[in-house]
Amino acid sequence: MELLSGLGLATSSGLNAYIPLLVLGLLDRFTPVVELGPSFAWLSNGWILGLLAVLLVIELLADKFPAVDSINDAIQTVVRPTSGGIVFGSAATSEIAGLGAGTLAVTDPGAVAGWQTWVPVVTGIVIALVVHLTKALTRPMANTATAGTAAPVLSTGEDIVSAGLSLIAVFLPLLVVLAVIGLVVVAVVVRRRMRRRRDRRLGGAPA
């Protein structure tokens, strides 16, 4: 269950770095559903939540404009994988919806700096990076194919998916695999369609 939750949260981070962080932080602060381990308890700090909220608003606006989204994606190449590592590590060392790992940092403080913590963090980084790169490579293609009109639509869809996947990862982790598979299928379909539209727009032969 911890791995499924981590997979869903890290995938969500690849689409939007701040949504899964806010989901975990808010649920830990205001509900009994999530109990973050000591290593990640800072996520529910009021100042951190406020900062994440501000950054989320900036992200939501910046990602909607074709002239800005590529620059934003370049910056997010560092931010989104970092977020993915944090949320995967949180899922592996915290109590999430009663299905967590028993808070590893409490039961075995010496293991916090060991592989039991760092392997999930690195795994989350890799997952989020792969999702981010797929998104970052698809967006310029979509902008070219639609003269930029697809940017706000795709960005809004990504934000909705990120929020939904974060909640599924917390409350229904068994559905994460189906959700991720569905996301991969949609990404492949969208990428192919945008590639064909781009080729037609540029007068080239469809791939």
C-alpha atoms as a PDB file:
ATOM      1  CA  MET A   1       0.000   0.000   0.000  1.00  0.00           C
ATOM      2  CA  GLU A   2       2.850   2.377   0.814  1.00  0.00           C
ATOM      3  CA  LEU A   3       4.393   1.772  -2.605  1.00  0.00           C
ATOM      4  CA  LEU A   4       1.073   2.353  -4.368  1.00  0.00           C
ATOM      5  CA  SER A   5       0.494   5.567  -2.439  1.00  0.00           C
ATOM      6  CA  GLY A   6       4.033   6.680  -3.223  1.00  0.00           C
ATOM      7  CA  LEU A   7       3.615   5.862  -6.904  1.00  0.00           C
ATOM      8  CA  GLY A   8       0.431   7.896  -7.155  1.00  0.00           C
ATOM      9  CA  LEU A   9       1.824  10.869  -5.263  1.00  0.00           C
ATOM     10  CA  ALA A  10       5.115  10.928  -7.197  1.00  0.00           C
ATOM     11  CA  THR A  11       3.262  10.701 -10.516  1.00  0.00           C
ATOM     12  CA  SER A  12       1.095  13.587  -9.380  1.00  0.00           C
ATOM     13  CA  SER A  13       4.224  15.591  -8.545  1.00  0.00           C
ATOM     14  CA  GLY A  14       5.455  15.143 -12.106  1.00  0.00           C
ATOM     15  CA  LEU A  15       2.368  17.039 -13.272  1.00  0.00           C
ATOM     16  CA  ASN A  16       2.221  19.643 -10.510  1.00  0.00           C
ATOM     17  CA  ALA A  17       4.830  19.819  -7.763  1.00  0.00           C
ATOM     18  CA  TYR A  18       2.727  21.610  -5.175  1.00  0.00           C
ATOM     19  CA  ILE A  19      -0.641  19.829  -5.227  1.00  0.00           C
ATOM     20  CA  PRO A  20       0.472  16.517  -3.628  1.00  0.00           C
ATOM     21  CA  LEU A  21       2.586  18.377  -1.069  1.00  0.00           C
ATOM     22  CA  LEU A  22      -0.426  20.478  -0.091  1.00  0.00           C
ATOM     23  CA  VAL A  23      -2.689  17.425   0.010  1.00  0.00           C
ATOM     24  CA  LEU A  24      -0.385  15.636   2.447  1.00  0.00           C
ATOM     25  CA  GLY A  25       0.287  18.727   4.538  1.00  0.00           C
ATOM     26  CA  LEU A  26      -3.363  19.758   4.834  1.00  0.00           C
ATOM     27  CA  LEU A  27      -4.588  16.242   5.589  1.00  0.00           C
ATOM     28  CA  ASP A  28      -1.932  15.836   8.269  1.00  0.00           C
ATOM     29  CA  ARG A  29      -2.716  19.212   9.850  1.00  0.00           C
ATOM     30  CA  PHE A  30      -6.509  19.072   9.800  1.00  0.00           C
ATOM     31  CA  THR A  31      -7.523  15.391   9.656  1.00  0.00           C
ATOM     32  CA  PRO A  32      -6.539  12.045  11.202  1.00  0.00           C
ATOM     33  CA  VAL A  33      -6.224  10.486   7.738  1.00  0.00           C
ATOM     34  CA  VAL A  34      -2.531  11.304   7.345  1.00  0.00           C
ATOM     35  CA  GLU A  35       0.039  11.226  10.132  1.00  0.00           C
ATOM     36  CA  LEU A  36       3.364  12.297   8.716  1.00  0.00           C
ATOM     37  CA  GLY A  37       6.484  10.874  10.288  1.00  0.00           C
ATOM     38  CA  PRO A  38       8.925  13.216  12.054  1.00  0.00           C
ATOM     39  CA  SER A  39      11.109  13.429   8.944  1.00  0.00           C
ATOM     40  CA  PHE A  40       8.273  15.010   6.945  1.00  0.00           C
ATOM     41  CA  ALA A  41       6.166  16.657   9.671  1.00  0.00           C
ATOM     42  CA  TRP A  42       7.348  20.073   8.444  1.00  0.00           C
ATOM     43  CA  LEU A  43       4.939  19.709   5.510  1.00  0.00           C
ATOM     44  CA  SER A  44       2.016  20.523   7.814  1.00  0.00           C
ATOM     45  CA  ASN A  45       3.635  23.662   9.228  1.00  0.00           C
ATOM     46  CA  GLY A  46       1.394  26.691   8.682  1.00  0.00           C
ATOM     47  CA  TRP A  47       4.132  28.768   7.035  1.00  0.00           C
ATOM     48  CA  ILE A  48       5.073  25.924   4.703  1.00  0.00           C
ATOM     49  CA  LEU A  49       1.440  25.400   3.710  1.00  0.00           C
ATOM     50  CA  GLY A  50       1.074  29.115   3.015  1.00  0.00           C
ATOM     51  CA  LEU A  51       4.227  29.146   0.897  1.00  0.00           C
ATOM     52  CA  LEU A  52       3.082  26.073  -1.040  1.00  0.00           C
ATOM     53  CA  ALA A  53      -0.293  27.720  -1.664  1.00  0.00           C
ATOM     54  CA  VAL A  54       1.379  30.845  -3.079  1.00  0.00           C
ATOM     55  CA  LEU A  55       3.693  28.770  -5.260  1.00  0.00           C
ATOM     56  CA  LEU A  56       0.714  26.746  -6.477  1.00  0.00           C
ATOM     57  CA  VAL A  57      -1.122  29.893  -7.573  1.00  0.00           C
ATOM     58  CA  ILE A  58       1.973  31.074  -9.467  1.00  0.00           C
ATOM     59  CA  GLU A  59       2.315  27.643 -11.072  1.00  0.00           C
ATOM     60  CA  LEU A  60      -1.357  27.547 -12.077  1.00  0.00           C
ATOM     61  CA  LEU A  61      -1.064  30.925 -13.808  1.00  0.00           C
ATOM     62  CA  ALA A  62       2.362  30.466 -15.408  1.00  0.00           C
ATOM     63  CA  ASP A  63       1.517  27.090 -16.908  1.00  0.00           C
ATOM     64  CA  LYS A  64      -1.484  28.451 -18.822  1.00  0.00           C
ATOM     65  CA  PHE A  65       0.437  30.753 -21.175  1.00  0.00           C
ATOM     66  CA  PRO A  66       2.461  29.353 -24.129  1.00  0.00           C
ATOM     67  CA  ALA A  67       5.083  32.079 -23.831  1.00  0.00           C
ATOM     68  CA  VAL A  68       5.757  31.178 -20.205  1.00  0.00           C
ATOM     69  CA  ASP A  69       5.057  27.455 -19.856  1.00  0.00           C
ATOM     70  CA  SER A  70       8.336  26.340 -21.444  1.00  0.00           C
ATOM     71  CA  ILE A  71      10.325  28.535 -19.051  1.00  0.00           C
ATOM     72  CA  ASN A  72       8.237  27.247 -16.172  1.00  0.00           C
ATOM     73  CA  ASP A  73       8.846  23.635 -17.241  1.00  0.00           C
ATOM     74  CA  ALA A  74      12.590  24.291 -17.308  1.00  0.00           C
ATOM     75  CA  ILE A  75      12.465  25.583 -13.719  1.00  0.00           C
ATOM     76  CA  GLN A  76      10.207  22.717 -12.656  1.00  0.00           C
ATOM     77  CA  THR A  77      12.760  20.166 -13.891  1.00  0.00           C
ATOM     78  CA  VAL A  78      14.298  20.517 -10.443  1.00  0.00           C
ATOM     79  CA  VAL A  79      11.175  21.286  -8.407  1.00  0.00           C
ATOM     80  CA  ARG A  80       8.879  18.465  -9.554  1.00  0.00           C
ATOM     81  CA  PRO A  81      11.363  15.594  -9.030  1.00  0.00           C
ATOM     82  CA  THR A  82      12.201  17.055  -5.612  1.00  0.00           C
ATOM     83  CA  SER A  83       8.510  17.055  -4.758  1.00  0.00           C
ATOM     84  CA  GLY A  84       8.218  13.486  -6.038  1.00  0.00           C
ATOM     85  CA  GLY A  85      11.011  12.359  -3.728  1.00  0.00           C
ATOM     86  CA  ILE A  86       9.414  14.069  -0.737  1.00  0.00           C
ATOM     87  CA  VAL A  87       5.932  12.631  -1.257  1.00  0.00           C
ATOM     88  CA  PHE A  88       7.177   9.109  -2.002  1.00  0.00           C
ATOM     89  CA  GLY A  89       9.362   9.256   1.075  1.00  0.00           C
ATOM     90  CA  SER A  90       6.394  10.522   3.085  1.00  0.00           C
ATOM     91  CA  ALA A  91       4.218   7.652   1.914  1.00  0.00           C
ATOM     92  CA  ALA A  92       6.883   5.128   2.866  1.00  0.00           C
ATOM     93  CA  THR A  93       7.523   6.475   6.367  1.00  0.00           C
ATOM     94  CA  SER A  94       4.148   7.814   7.514  1.00  0.00           C
ATOM     95  CA  GLU A  95       0.662   6.613   8.361  1.00  0.00           C
ATOM     96  CA  ILE A  96      -1.591   7.328   5.384  1.00  0.00           C
ATOM     97  CA  ALA A  97      -5.271   6.383   5.654  1.00  0.00           C
ATOM     98  CA  GLY A  98      -4.305   3.768   8.253  1.00  0.00           C
ATOM     99  CA  LEU A  99      -2.220   1.860   5.719  1.00  0.00           C
ATOM    100  CA  GLY A 100       1.196   3.419   6.291  1.00  0.00           C
ATOM    101  CA  ALA A 101       4.489   1.881   7.273  1.00  0.00           C
ATOM    102  CA  GLY A 102       4.093   2.516  10.992  1.00  0.00           C
ATOM    103  CA  THR A 103       6.239   5.651  10.903  1.00  0.00           C
ATOM    104  CA  LEU A 104       9.689   4.212  10.318  1.00  0.00           C
ATOM    105  CA  ALA A 105      11.404   7.226  11.886  1.00  0.00           C
ATOM    106  CA  VAL A 106       9.773   6.433  15.253  1.00  0.00           C
ATOM    107  CA  THR A 107      10.200   2.673  15.354  1.00  0.00           C
ATOM    108  CA  ASP A 108      13.775   2.771  14.075  1.00  0.00           C
ATOM    109  CA  PRO A 109      15.404   6.226  14.333  1.00  0.00           C
ATOM    110  CA  GLY A 110      18.727   4.898  13.080  1.00  0.00           C
ATOM    111  CA  ALA A 111      17.164   3.855   9.810  1.00  0.00           C
ATOM    112  CA  VAL A 112      16.084   7.371   8.874  1.00  0.00           C
ATOM    113  CA  ALA A 113      19.382   8.061   7.127  1.00  0.00           C
ATOM    114  CA  GLY A 114      19.543   4.536   5.704  1.00  0.00           C
ATOM    115  CA  TRP A 115      18.313   2.921   2.551  1.00  0.00           C
ATOM    116  CA  GLN A 116      14.789   2.448   3.976  1.00  0.00           C
ATOM    117  CA  THR A 117      14.264   6.197   3.624  1.00  0.00           C
ATOM    118  CA  TRP A 118      16.516   7.139   0.736  1.00  0.00           C
ATOM    119  CA  VAL A 119      15.401   4.413  -1.665  1.00  0.00           C
ATOM    120  CA  PRO A 120      11.775   5.666  -1.628  1.00  0.00           C
ATOM    121  CA  VAL A 121      12.986   9.259  -2.017  1.00  0.00           C
ATOM    122  CA  VAL A 122      15.159   8.398  -5.025  1.00  0.00           C
ATOM    123  CA  THR A 123      12.346   6.296  -6.504  1.00  0.00           C
ATOM    124  CA  GLY A 124       9.957   9.233  -6.192  1.00  0.00           C
ATOM    125  CA  ILE A 125      12.475  11.544  -7.837  1.00  0.00           C
ATOM    126  CA  VAL A 126      12.828   9.215 -10.825  1.00  0.00           C
ATOM    127  CA  ILE A 127       9.068   8.717 -11.254  1.00  0.00           C
ATOM    128  CA  ALA A 128       8.308  12.437 -11.061  1.00  0.00           C
ATOM    129  CA  LEU A 129      11.170  13.257 -13.435  1.00  0.00           C
ATOM    130  CA  VAL A 130       9.905  10.811 -16.076  1.00  0.00           C
ATOM    131  CA  VAL A 131       6.379  12.247 -15.864  1.00  0.00           C
ATOM    132  CA  HIS A 132       7.699  15.812 -15.937  1.00  0.00           C
ATOM    133  CA  LEU A 133       9.899  15.199 -18.991  1.00  0.00           C
ATOM    134  CA  THR A 134       6.973  13.615 -20.836  1.00  0.00           C
ATOM    135  CA  LYS A 135       4.849  16.668 -20.036  1.00  0.00           C
ATOM    136  CA  ALA A 136       7.633  19.116 -20.913  1.00  0.00           C
ATOM    137  CA  LEU A 137       8.298  17.463 -24.291  1.00  0.00           C
ATOM    138  CA  THR A 138       4.623  17.262 -25.203  1.00  0.00           C
ATOM    139  CA  ARG A 139       3.713  20.863 -24.401  1.00  0.00           C
ATOM    140  CA  PRO A 140       5.849  22.580 -27.133  1.00  0.00           C
ATOM    141  CA  MET A 141       4.461  20.119 -29.652  1.00  0.00           C
ATOM    142  CA  ALA A 142       0.913  20.975 -28.586  1.00  0.00           C
ATOM    143  CA  ASN A 143       1.644  24.703 -28.687  1.00  0.00           C
ATOM    144  CA  THR A 144       2.991  24.429 -32.222  1.00  0.00           C
ATOM    145  CA  ALA A 145       0.118  22.249 -33.391  1.00  0.00           C
ATOM    146  CA  THR A 146      -2.600  24.531 -31.988  1.00  0.00           C
ATOM    147  CA  ALA A 147      -0.909  27.954 -32.108  1.00  0.00           C
ATOM    148  CA  GLY A 148      -0.862  27.952 -28.312  1.00  0.00           C
ATOM    149  CA  THR A 149      -4.591  27.451 -27.791  1.00  0.00           C
ATOM    150  CA  ALA A 150      -4.091  24.002 -26.231  1.00  0.00           C
ATOM    151  CA  ALA A 151      -1.860  25.264 -23.406  1.00  0.00           C
ATOM    152  CA  PRO A 152      -4.578  26.332 -20.927  1.00  0.00           C
ATOM    153  CA  VAL A 153      -6.677  23.252 -21.697  1.00  0.00           C
ATOM    154  CA  LEU A 154      -3.825  20.805 -21.201  1.00  0.00           C
ATOM    155  CA  SER A 155      -2.577  22.631 -18.123  1.00  0.00           C
ATOM    156  CA  THR A 156      -6.012  22.614 -16.491  1.00  0.00           C
ATOM    157  CA  GLY A 157      -6.388  18.913 -17.273  1.00  0.00           C
ATOM    158  CA  GLU A 158      -2.980  18.180 -15.739  1.00  0.00           C
ATOM    159  CA  ASP A 159      -3.893  20.088 -12.577  1.00  0.00           C
ATOM    160  CA  ILE A 160      -7.166  18.183 -12.225  1.00  0.00           C
ATOM    161  CA  VAL A 161      -5.409  14.847 -12.775  1.00  0.00           C
ATOM    162  CA  SER A 162      -2.707  15.781 -10.254  1.00  0.00           C
ATOM    163  CA  ALA A 163      -5.302  16.612  -7.593  1.00  0.00           C
ATOM    164  CA  GLY A 164      -7.389  13.530  -8.317  1.00  0.00           C
ATOM    165  CA  LEU A 165      -4.406  11.208  -8.356  1.00  0.00           C
ATOM    166  CA  SER A 166      -3.127  12.645  -5.074  1.00  0.00           C
ATOM    167  CA  LEU A 167      -6.460  11.949  -3.384  1.00  0.00           C
ATOM    168  CA  ILE A 168      -6.659   8.455  -4.893  1.00  0.00           C
ATOM    169  CA  ALA A 169      -3.138   7.728  -3.637  1.00  0.00           C
ATOM    170  CA  VAL A 170      -4.201   8.644  -0.097  1.00  0.00           C
ATOM    171  CA  PHE A 171      -7.707   7.204   0.101  1.00  0.00           C
ATOM    172  CA  LEU A 172      -7.818   4.446  -2.553  1.00  0.00           C
ATOM    173  CA  PRO A 173      -4.226   3.324  -3.233  1.00  0.00           C
ATOM    174  CA  LEU A 174      -5.379   0.092  -4.883  1.00  0.00           C
ATOM    175  CA  LEU A 175      -6.733   2.196  -7.759  1.00  0.00           C
ATOM    176  CA  VAL A 176      -3.403   3.930  -8.352  1.00  0.00           C
ATOM    177  CA  VAL A 177      -2.190   1.351 -10.881  1.00  0.00           C
ATOM    178  CA  LEU A 178      -5.346   1.721 -12.977  1.00  0.00           C
ATOM    179  CA  ALA A 179      -5.136   5.510 -12.741  1.00  0.00           C
ATOM    180  CA  VAL A 180      -1.480   5.565 -13.819  1.00  0.00           C
ATOM    181  CA  ILE A 181      -2.139   3.181 -16.717  1.00  0.00           C
ATOM    182  CA  GLY A 182      -5.030   5.392 -17.814  1.00  0.00           C
ATOM    183  CA  LEU A 183      -2.783   8.441 -17.616  1.00  0.00           C
ATOM    184  CA  VAL A 184      -0.130   6.751 -19.771  1.00  0.00           C
ATOM    185  CA  VAL A 185      -2.731   5.816 -22.401  1.00  0.00           C
ATOM    186  CA  VAL A 186      -4.100   9.363 -22.497  1.00  0.00           C
ATOM    187  CA  ALA A 187      -0.586  10.811 -22.737  1.00  0.00           C
ATOM    188  CA  VAL A 188       0.282   8.550 -25.682  1.00  0.00           C
ATOM    189  CA  VAL A 189      -2.954   9.392 -27.501  1.00  0.00           C
ATOM    190  CA  VAL A 190      -2.564  13.139 -26.943  1.00  0.00           C
ATOM    191  CA  ARG A 191       1.078  13.079 -28.015  1.00  0.00           C
ATOM    192  CA  ARG A 192       0.267  11.239 -31.253  1.00  0.00           C
ATOM    193  CA  ARG A 193      -2.597  13.559 -32.106  1.00  0.00           C
ATOM    194  CA  MET A 194      -0.544  16.663 -31.408  1.00  0.00           C
ATOM    195  CA  ARG A 195       2.329  15.313 -33.475  1.00  0.00           C
ATOM    196  CA  ARG A 196       0.001  14.743 -36.432  1.00  0.00           C
ATOM    197  CA  ARG A 197      -1.519  18.221 -36.085  1.00  0.00           C
ATOM    198  CA  ARG A 198       1.926  19.776 -35.796  1.00  0.00           C
ATOM    199  CA  ASP A 199       3.126  17.959 -38.926  1.00  0.00           C
ATOM    200  CA  ARG A 200       0.056  19.077 -40.881  1.00  0.00           C
ATOM    201  CA  ARG A 201       0.482  22.645 -39.645  1.00  0.00           C
ATOM    202  CA  LEU A 202       4.142  22.706 -40.650  1.00  0.00           C
ATOM    203  CA  GLY A 203       3.412  21.005 -43.957  1.00  0.00           C
ATOM    204  CA  GLY A 204       5.425  17.878 -43.165  1.00  0.00           C
ATOM    205  CA  ALA A 205       4.486  14.253 -43.489  1.00  0.00           C
ATOM    206  CA  PRO A 206       2.757  12.802 -40.417  1.00  0.00           C
ATOM    207  CA  ALA A 207       4.972  10.539 -38.375  1.00  0.00           C
END
